[in-house]
Amino acid sequence: MLSATFDSRNWANVPFHFWSVVFFVFGSVVGSFLNVCIYRLPLGQSIVSPPSHCPHCKYSIPWYLNIPLVTWVYLRGKCRNCGAPISIRYFTVELLTALTFLSCWLAFGRQSAWLALVYALFLAGLITASFIDFEHIIIPDEITVGGMVAGFVCSFLLPSLHDEATVSASLRQSALGIVAGAGIIYFILRMGKLVFGRQKVALPPGTRIIFTETAVHLPDKEIPYEDLFYRPSDVITFHAHTVELVDRCYKDVRVRLTPASLRIGEEELNPEAEPHLEAVTAEVVLPREAMGLGDVKFMGAIGAFLGWKAVVFSLMLSSMIGSVVGVTLIVLRKREWSSRLPYGPYIALAAAIWILGGKRLVQWWFGI
């Protein structure tokens, strides 16, 4: 039944560009759902309930005011009930997803409607991951781990996803892609930790930094401990002019904080027993990651869908894209922006390029 539904000969009975319109419209609907995922997944909220509503006044949006692309333009980017602005991100995601679905149909529709649809849904996942990563610097497990599972299942249902004729060969390519994707990025993460695992933050003399139960508070930002302590060996160090705990003070001492211990001068303390620490210092050394574990799992999901060759291509091209963006920002005197941009969107863009032309380019280049 499923094979008959997606048989290209059956789809060919209808004009090709009728399906182009269908894919565009369907993509905009999927984009509307992606907006829900982008907003709710990082907050740990259900993507099913409650129904779509204004985040400002909680107005439940009726179906006739929830038409993708059209509603945002009609309401001029404002809530019908309270007039609060609605981010242009909603319109952008819907349009980008619609164009992505259309591109997949134009590129693969004549070959296989099923292949076009799988690629379109995979790219929809990349769009979701990229927008979440831009805003929250995380990629949720629902996308990464779920993507690995979905990629493996799709490889079982559609061996042509890996240019294979048999299910066993397709599953083997998917498994190799997961191992290669997650393994290579994890290796880079560990090597990056060894080479770039410490960040010296210079501060104005007499700067006061605060350590609470959940985060380090610097003058210009707050850094949660989970963003600093990836492994037990991670450590925060600095020389303090003064250190103030709840019940005592220290002067001119070295401070060393790990997930399991707090050392002030020669005294060893339990960090969990010290809910508040304030220190005056001119420099602090923080642990940092070259990449996050989310990128490791994200590349594993890409490998599950596209195989190990796409992993290598995506890794190389994403590095080039990241370098170009970094150099451009430096030229524009926006160096600080480059350190705040996540790596996931570069990987996603490289994977999209592989699907929509990079794979054929590589085959042409090597004469395959």
Protein backbone atom coordinates (compact mmCIF):
# COMPACT_ATOMS: atom_id res chain seq x y z
CA MET A 1 0.00 0.00 0.00
CA LEU A 2 2.75 2.43 1.01
CA SER A 3 4.89 1.61 -2.02
CA ALA A 4 1.91 2.13 -4.33
CA THR A 5 1.12 5.47 -2.73
CA PHE A 6 4.61 6.78 -3.39
CA ASP A 7 5.07 5.12 -6.78
CA SER A 8 6.36 7.85 -9.12
CA ARG A 9 4.20 6.52 -11.95
CA ASN A 10 1.05 7.19 -9.94
CA TRP A 11 2.20 10.70 -9.06
CA ALA A 12 3.06 11.36 -12.71
CA ASN A 13 -0.65 11.08 -13.60
CA VAL A 14 -1.05 14.55 -12.08
CA PRO A 15 0.85 17.56 -13.51
CA PHE A 16 4.28 17.79 -11.87
CA HIS A 17 3.90 21.38 -10.70
CA PHE A 18 0.57 20.66 -9.06
CA TRP A 19 2.63 18.69 -6.59
CA SER A 20 5.09 21.60 -6.44
CA VAL A 21 2.26 23.74 -5.07
CA VAL A 22 1.20 20.95 -2.70
CA PHE A 23 4.72 20.60 -1.31
CA PHE A 24 5.03 24.37 -0.85
CA VAL A 25 1.72 24.61 1.01
CA PHE A 26 2.42 21.49 3.07
CA GLY A 27 5.86 22.88 3.91
CA SER A 28 4.34 26.10 5.22
CA VAL A 29 2.01 24.06 7.46
CA VAL A 30 4.97 22.05 8.74
CA GLY A 31 6.82 25.34 9.29
CA SER A 32 3.96 26.55 11.49
CA PHE A 33 4.40 23.41 13.61
CA LEU A 34 8.17 23.94 13.69
CA ASN A 35 7.57 27.36 15.24
CA VAL A 36 5.78 25.62 18.09
CA CYS A 37 8.72 23.23 18.52
CA ILE A 38 11.27 26.07 18.39
CA TYR A 39 9.45 27.98 21.11
CA ARG A 40 8.41 25.13 23.41
CA LEU A 41 11.10 22.42 23.26
CA PRO A 42 13.85 24.49 24.97
CA LEU A 43 11.37 25.38 27.72
CA GLY A 44 10.43 21.74 28.31
CA GLN A 45 6.81 22.39 27.31
CA SER A 46 4.45 20.07 25.44
CA ILE A 47 4.30 20.66 21.68
CA VAL A 48 0.73 19.36 21.62
CA SER A 49 -1.05 21.14 24.47
CA PRO A 50 -2.16 23.84 24.98
CA PRO A 51 -3.17 24.88 21.43
CA SER A 52 -1.44 27.82 19.71
CA HIS A 53 -1.78 31.01 21.72
CA CYS A 54 -0.28 34.48 22.04
CA PRO A 55 2.71 34.34 24.44
CA HIS A 56 1.82 37.82 25.72
CA CYS A 57 -1.92 37.70 26.48
CA LYS A 58 -2.44 33.89 26.23
CA TYR A 59 -5.19 34.46 23.62
CA SER A 60 -6.06 31.10 22.05
CA ILE A 61 -5.59 31.55 18.31
CA PRO A 62 -8.55 30.29 16.20
CA TRP A 63 -7.84 28.29 13.07
CA TYR A 64 -8.74 31.12 10.71
CA LEU A 65 -6.05 33.28 12.33
CA ASN A 66 -3.48 30.49 12.22
CA ILE A 67 -3.03 30.15 8.46
CA PRO A 68 0.70 29.85 7.65
CA LEU A 69 2.32 32.86 5.95
CA VAL A 70 -1.02 34.58 5.29
CA THR A 71 -1.97 35.38 8.90
CA TRP A 72 1.31 37.05 9.84
CA VAL A 73 1.13 39.33 6.79
CA TYR A 74 -2.60 40.03 7.28
CA LEU A 75 -2.13 40.99 10.94
CA ARG A 76 1.08 42.90 10.15
CA GLY A 77 3.03 40.90 12.68
CA LYS A 78 0.79 41.70 15.64
CA CYS A 79 -1.55 39.75 17.91
CA ARG A 80 -5.20 40.25 16.94
CA ASN A 81 -6.25 40.36 20.60
CA CYS A 82 -3.64 42.49 22.40
CA GLY A 83 -1.66 44.07 19.57
CA ALA A 84 1.68 42.77 20.88
CA PRO A 85 4.33 42.23 18.18
CA ILE A 86 4.77 38.72 16.80
CA SER A 87 8.39 37.96 15.91
CA ILE A 88 9.19 37.84 12.20
CA ARG A 89 10.84 34.51 13.02
CA TYR A 90 7.40 32.87 12.72
CA PHE A 91 6.97 34.06 9.14
CA THR A 92 10.62 33.31 8.30
CA VAL A 93 10.43 29.71 9.51
CA GLU A 94 7.17 29.07 7.63
CA LEU A 95 8.56 30.54 4.39
CA LEU A 96 11.92 28.77 4.72
CA THR A 97 10.24 25.42 5.38
CA ALA A 98 7.84 25.92 2.47
CA LEU A 99 10.74 26.70 0.11
CA THR A 100 12.68 23.72 1.48
CA PHE A 101 9.81 21.32 0.76
CA LEU A 102 9.42 22.82 -2.72
CA SER A 103 13.16 22.44 -3.39
CA CYS A 104 13.10 18.78 -2.34
CA TRP A 105 10.19 18.10 -4.68
CA LEU A 106 11.87 19.86 -7.60
CA ALA A 107 15.14 18.02 -6.96
CA PHE A 108 13.80 14.51 -6.24
CA GLY A 109 10.11 14.44 -7.21
CA ARG A 110 10.70 12.87 -10.60
CA GLN A 111 12.93 10.24 -9.01
CA SER A 112 10.80 9.37 -5.99
CA ALA A 113 8.05 11.21 -4.14
CA TRP A 114 8.92 9.20 -1.03
CA LEU A 115 12.56 10.30 -1.22
CA ALA A 116 11.52 13.94 -1.68
CA LEU A 117 9.27 13.77 1.37
CA VAL A 118 11.88 12.11 3.62
CA TYR A 119 14.51 14.67 2.66
CA ALA A 120 12.02 17.50 3.23
CA LEU A 121 11.13 16.26 6.73
CA PHE A 122 14.81 15.73 7.55
CA LEU A 123 15.60 19.31 6.50
CA ALA A 124 12.66 20.49 8.61
CA GLY A 125 14.45 18.94 11.59
CA LEU A 126 17.63 20.83 10.66
CA ILE A 127 15.67 24.08 10.53
CA THR A 128 14.23 23.46 13.99
CA ALA A 129 17.63 22.58 15.45
CA SER A 130 19.28 25.65 13.89
CA PHE A 131 16.77 28.17 15.21
CA ILE A 132 16.82 26.65 18.70
CA ASP A 133 20.62 26.57 18.70
CA PHE A 134 20.81 30.22 17.62
CA GLU A 135 18.54 31.33 20.43
CA HIS A 136 19.41 28.96 23.29
CA ILE A 137 22.82 27.46 22.31
CA ILE A 138 21.37 23.95 22.73
CA ILE A 139 19.98 21.26 20.45
CA PRO A 140 17.33 19.22 22.31
CA ASP A 141 17.60 15.44 22.50
CA GLU A 142 14.16 15.19 20.91
CA ILE A 143 15.84 16.36 17.69
CA THR A 144 19.27 14.72 17.97
CA VAL A 145 18.55 11.35 19.56
CA GLY A 146 15.12 11.26 17.92
CA GLY A 147 16.82 12.07 14.62
CA MET A 148 19.13 9.07 14.94
CA VAL A 149 16.17 6.77 15.52
CA ALA A 150 14.15 8.35 12.70
CA GLY A 151 17.11 8.15 10.31
CA PHE A 152 17.61 4.46 11.05
CA VAL A 153 13.89 3.75 10.54
CA CYS A 154 13.80 5.70 7.27
CA SER A 155 16.88 3.81 6.09
CA PHE A 156 14.93 0.59 6.68
CA LEU A 157 11.86 1.86 4.79
CA LEU A 158 13.77 3.54 1.96
CA PRO A 159 17.12 1.99 0.97
CA SER A 160 17.47 4.55 -1.84
CA LEU A 161 18.10 7.12 0.88
CA HIS A 162 21.66 5.74 0.86
CA ASP A 163 21.68 4.77 -2.85
CA GLU A 164 21.37 1.12 -1.83
CA ALA A 165 19.17 -1.60 -3.29
CA THR A 166 18.74 -3.72 -0.15
CA VAL A 167 17.52 -2.99 3.36
CA SER A 168 20.58 -4.57 5.00
CA ALA A 169 23.00 -2.41 3.02
CA SER A 170 20.96 0.72 3.78
CA LEU A 171 20.89 -0.03 7.51
CA ARG A 172 24.63 -0.65 7.45
CA GLN A 173 25.20 2.78 5.86
CA SER A 174 22.94 4.41 8.44
CA ALA A 175 24.75 2.73 11.34
CA LEU A 176 28.13 3.72 9.90
CA GLY A 177 26.84 7.27 9.55
CA ILE A 178 25.78 7.40 13.21
CA VAL A 179 29.12 6.03 14.41
CA ALA A 180 31.15 8.27 12.09
CA GLY A 181 29.11 11.38 12.81
CA ALA A 182 29.03 11.10 16.58
CA GLY A 183 32.54 9.60 16.80
CA ILE A 184 34.33 12.23 14.71
CA ILE A 185 32.68 15.17 16.46
CA TYR A 186 33.30 13.63 19.89
CA PHE A 187 36.97 13.20 19.01
CA ILE A 188 37.13 16.85 17.93
CA LEU A 189 35.38 17.85 21.15
CA ARG A 190 37.93 16.00 23.28
CA MET A 191 40.91 17.34 21.32
CA GLY A 192 39.46 20.83 21.44
CA LYS A 193 39.11 20.49 25.19
CA LEU A 194 42.80 19.68 25.51
CA VAL A 195 43.92 22.55 23.28
CA PHE A 196 41.29 25.22 23.93
CA GLY A 197 39.83 24.01 27.21
CA ARG A 198 40.75 27.09 29.26
CA GLN A 199 39.54 30.64 28.82
CA LYS A 200 41.17 33.52 30.65
CA VAL A 201 38.72 36.33 31.36
CA ALA A 202 40.45 39.61 32.20
CA LEU A 203 38.45 41.85 34.51
CA PRO A 204 38.88 45.45 35.68
CA PRO A 205 40.81 45.65 38.97
CA GLY A 206 38.54 45.25 41.96
CA THR A 207 35.84 43.38 40.03
CA ARG A 208 33.45 41.42 42.22
CA ILE A 209 32.28 38.03 40.92
CA ILE A 210 29.57 35.97 42.63
CA PHE A 211 29.18 32.20 42.83
CA THR A 212 25.64 31.05 43.66
CA GLU A 213 24.22 27.55 43.87
CA THR A 214 23.47 27.49 40.13
CA ALA A 215 25.75 29.90 38.27
CA VAL A 216 28.78 32.20 38.14
CA HIS A 217 27.83 35.88 37.92
CA LEU A 218 30.36 38.01 36.04
CA PRO A 219 29.87 41.77 35.57
CA ASP A 220 28.35 41.35 32.09
CA LYS A 221 26.81 37.87 32.13
CA GLU A 222 25.65 34.88 34.12
CA ILE A 223 27.06 31.44 33.26
CA PRO A 224 25.23 28.31 34.56
CA TYR A 225 27.51 25.65 36.01
CA GLU A 226 26.22 23.09 33.50
CA ASP A 227 27.77 25.23 30.76
CA LEU A 228 31.15 25.15 32.53
CA PHE A 229 31.43 21.74 34.16
CA TYR A 230 31.17 19.13 31.42
CA ARG A 231 33.43 16.59 33.14
CA PRO A 232 34.79 16.12 36.71
CA SER A 233 38.23 17.45 35.70
CA ASP A 234 36.85 20.87 34.69
CA VAL A 235 38.00 23.61 37.04
CA ILE A 236 37.55 27.35 37.66
CA THR A 237 40.64 29.07 39.08
CA PHE A 238 41.57 32.63 40.04
CA HIS A 239 43.64 34.62 42.51
CA ALA A 240 41.35 36.64 44.77
CA HIS A 241 42.11 39.83 46.64
CA THR A 242 39.26 38.94 48.99
CA VAL A 243 36.83 36.03 49.30
CA GLU A 244 33.60 36.23 51.30
CA LEU A 245 31.58 33.20 52.33
CA VAL A 246 28.40 33.28 54.40
CA ASP A 247 30.30 32.89 57.69
CA ARG A 248 33.94 33.89 57.03
CA CYS A 249 36.37 35.83 54.82
CA TYR A 250 39.78 35.28 53.21
CA LYS A 251 42.40 37.65 51.80
CA ASP A 252 44.97 37.25 49.04
CA VAL A 253 44.27 33.56 48.30
CA ARG A 254 44.11 31.20 45.36
CA VAL A 255 40.63 29.77 44.64
CA ARG A 256 40.00 26.50 42.81
CA LEU A 257 36.45 25.26 42.14
CA THR A 258 35.50 21.92 40.57
CA PRO A 259 32.14 20.11 40.50
CA ALA A 260 33.20 18.16 43.61
CA SER A 261 35.47 20.48 45.61
CA LEU A 262 36.21 24.08 46.59
CA ARG A 263 39.74 24.99 47.60
CA ILE A 264 40.45 28.42 49.08
CA GLY A 265 44.11 28.82 49.89
CA GLU A 266 45.03 25.70 51.84
CA GLU A 267 41.49 24.97 53.01
CA GLU A 268 39.40 22.28 51.29
CA LEU A 269 35.60 22.80 51.38
CA ASN A 270 32.47 21.12 50.08
CA PRO A 271 30.98 23.40 47.37
CA GLU A 272 27.47 22.10 48.06
CA ALA A 273 27.76 23.36 51.63
CA GLU A 274 28.67 26.89 50.46
CA PRO A 275 25.58 28.36 48.77
CA HIS A 276 27.13 31.79 48.21
CA LEU A 277 30.65 33.02 47.51
CA GLU A 278 31.81 36.50 46.52
CA ALA A 279 35.33 37.30 45.39
CA VAL A 280 37.26 40.34 44.21
CA THR A 281 39.72 39.54 41.42
CA ALA A 282 41.20 40.87 38.18
CA GLU A 283 41.17 37.59 36.23
CA VAL A 284 39.32 34.27 36.22
CA VAL A 285 40.13 31.13 34.24
CA LEU A 286 37.04 29.25 33.08
CA PRO A 287 36.72 25.83 31.43
CA ARG A 288 35.22 25.81 27.95
CA GLU A 289 34.30 23.40 25.17
CA ALA A 290 35.28 23.50 21.50
CA MET A 291 31.82 22.01 20.86
CA GLY A 292 28.93 20.74 22.92
CA LEU A 293 27.56 17.22 23.25
CA GLY A 294 24.50 18.43 21.34
CA ASP A 295 26.70 18.82 18.25
CA VAL A 296 27.97 15.25 18.72
CA LYS A 297 24.45 13.82 18.72
CA PHE A 298 23.36 16.21 15.97
CA MET A 299 26.04 14.92 13.60
CA GLY A 300 25.04 11.38 14.56
CA ALA A 301 21.48 12.15 13.43
CA ILE A 302 22.77 13.56 10.14
CA GLY A 303 24.84 10.41 9.62
CA ALA A 304 21.79 8.23 10.30
CA PHE A 305 19.93 9.86 7.42
CA LEU A 306 22.74 10.59 4.98
CA GLY A 307 25.61 8.19 5.72
CA TRP A 308 29.27 8.63 6.56
CA LYS A 309 30.22 10.42 3.32
CA ALA A 310 27.76 13.19 4.13
CA VAL A 311 29.26 13.40 7.61
CA VAL A 312 32.75 14.03 6.22
CA PHE A 313 31.40 16.54 3.68
CA SER A 314 29.33 18.35 6.31
CA LEU A 315 32.23 18.53 8.74
CA MET A 316 34.61 19.99 6.14
CA LEU A 317 32.11 22.44 4.65
CA SER A 318 30.77 23.60 8.02
CA SER A 319 34.34 24.37 9.10
CA MET A 320 34.82 26.46 5.96
CA ILE A 321 31.51 28.27 6.51
CA GLY A 322 32.39 28.93 10.13
CA SER A 323 35.80 30.31 9.12
CA VAL A 324 34.26 32.64 6.53
CA VAL A 325 31.69 33.89 9.04
CA GLY A 326 34.37 34.37 11.71
CA VAL A 327 36.71 36.31 9.40
CA THR A 328 33.82 38.44 8.15
CA LEU A 329 32.80 39.36 11.69
CA ILE A 330 36.39 40.26 12.54
CA VAL A 331 36.59 42.51 9.46
CA LEU A 332 33.31 44.12 10.52
CA ARG A 333 34.75 44.60 14.04
CA LYS A 334 32.22 42.20 15.54
CA ARG A 335 34.74 39.71 16.89
CA GLU A 336 32.71 39.13 20.07
CA TRP A 337 29.77 37.89 17.96
CA SER A 338 31.81 35.02 16.52
CA SER A 339 32.29 33.48 19.98
CA ARG A 340 28.54 33.59 20.61
CA LEU A 341 27.44 31.87 17.39
CA PRO A 342 26.69 28.14 17.82
CA TYR A 343 28.19 25.56 15.48
CA GLY A 344 25.00 23.54 14.89
CA PRO A 345 23.58 25.83 12.16
CA TYR A 346 26.83 25.54 10.16
CA ILE A 347 26.52 21.75 10.27
CA ALA A 348 22.86 21.96 9.26
CA LEU A 349 23.62 24.24 6.31
CA ALA A 350 26.41 21.94 5.13
CA ALA A 351 24.10 18.89 5.33
CA ALA A 352 21.40 20.75 3.37
CA ILE A 353 23.96 21.62 0.68
CA TRP A 354 24.94 17.93 0.50
CA ILE A 355 21.34 16.93 -0.17
CA LEU A 356 20.52 19.68 -2.68
CA GLY A 357 23.68 19.52 -4.75
CA GLY A 358 26.81 18.76 -2.77
CA LYS A 359 26.50 15.01 -3.22
CA ARG A 360 26.27 15.34 -7.00
CA LEU A 361 29.13 17.85 -6.96
CA VAL A 362 31.39 15.42 -5.12
CA GLN A 363 30.44 12.60 -7.50
CA TRP A 364 31.21 14.82 -10.49
CA TRP A 365 34.50 16.01 -8.98
CA PHE A 366 35.76 12.47 -8.45
CA GLY A 367 34.30 11.23 -11.71
CA ILE A 368 31.89 8.81 -10.07
